[in-house]
Amino acid sequence: MASAKRLSLVAWTGLTVLIIAIVGVIGLALYVKELTQPMPASEQTVHVLIPSGSGSAQIAKILEQQGIIRDAQMFSYYLKYKEQGSKFQAGEYEMAPGITLDAIIDILNKGLVVKEQGIKLTVPEGYTVRQIADKASQQFGLDPALFMQTAQQYSGFTAKVFQQIPNDSKLRNRLEGYLFPETYEWKKDIKLEELIDNMMLELDKKLAMLPDDWQQTMAAHGHSFHQMMTIASLIEREVAVDEERLLVSGVIHNRLKKGMPLQIDATIQYMFDKPKDRLFEKDLQLESPYNTYLHTGLPPGPIASPSLASIKAAIYPSDTKYMFYVTKKDGSKAHLFAETYEQHQQNITASKKNSG
């Protein structure tokens, strides 16, 4: 009897221990599950800085302090279980509470750091150096006067096109036409000289996209690189309809060959700090090397930043007999082209009728 009681006691004791163990395992599992659950979700993101050389345990502590995970030690255990943590990358990360542990691991492994916020500048096609300086002032507070001074005087630019600019005292703005129209993004600490140089280096890159024979073709027309860029800038300021670039280029080339004044209003506008709403006859009589009504040939240099399309048009003009063009007054911004002065006068009359 005593032996049976002892066996029964042992059995109950074993069962009790087993139940306690099971409860303990369940409790531990629930505890582990709780500590590995994501934090309560939030739309407010947190910037997490992981210093260079940080180990996984240190990273876990940082994540806990920032409220991204519930428990650093449990996260470390989870990393060992997943065989992760050895490839985490340093940097500044943007995370939101509510992200899963696996998602955190993926972000840290891939090094999906926050992109350093820099400064952006969009240079529209046909902008002048002065307009670019003013826009840089508006977008990130750059002193426009300092911009203009640097563009005019700094001699350490590295772009190839910078070497093509002639040393001509008649140039109103030395870098006019050479700051390529594009959307740029730079680091906040970029130097002004480097910023301006970058815009000319972009022109270097765009020129490399031209057909292989562009320089030979340009030379065959009897133009230097600077003259070609000047023609391109005239096209840019005169043309609003892309299909007309080659035709306007053809007219400019034809008038240059004939020794006729170009008579381009955009060159008159360039003589003023701010464009006029309307040009008067007296404006056309103002003495300036940029006045293409008074002087034959090209002005001393570009009058704006041309697009790659205008540069191509300057190099490869249409083979046309047109010598004149006038803007249509119908709101299309297109032009009427003519071979003779009489046809041109007829186009002017027709254009005026359309304005009504």
Foldseek 3Di string as FASTA:
>chain_A
DVVVVVVVVVVVVVVVVVVVVVVVVVVVVVVLVVQQAFFPWDPDKDKQFFDPPDFLLRSLVSCCVRRGGVDSVSLVVVCVVVVAGPQFDGEIAIGTGRDGSVVVRVCRNVVVHDDQAFFKAAADALAWQLRSLVRCCVRPNDHSVVLQVCQADPDPQDAPVLVQQDPDPQDPGRCTQQQAGGMDTDHHPDDSSVVSSVSNNVVVVLVVVDPPCLVVLCVVLVDGPQQLSQQLSLLRVLDDDLVCLQVLLQLLSVCLVVQHQLQRVLLLQLVDPHGDPDDDPVSLVDDGLSNSSVHTDTRSGHSHHGHSSSSVSSSRHDPDLWNDWDAALQPPRDIDTDNDPVVVVVRVVVSVVNND
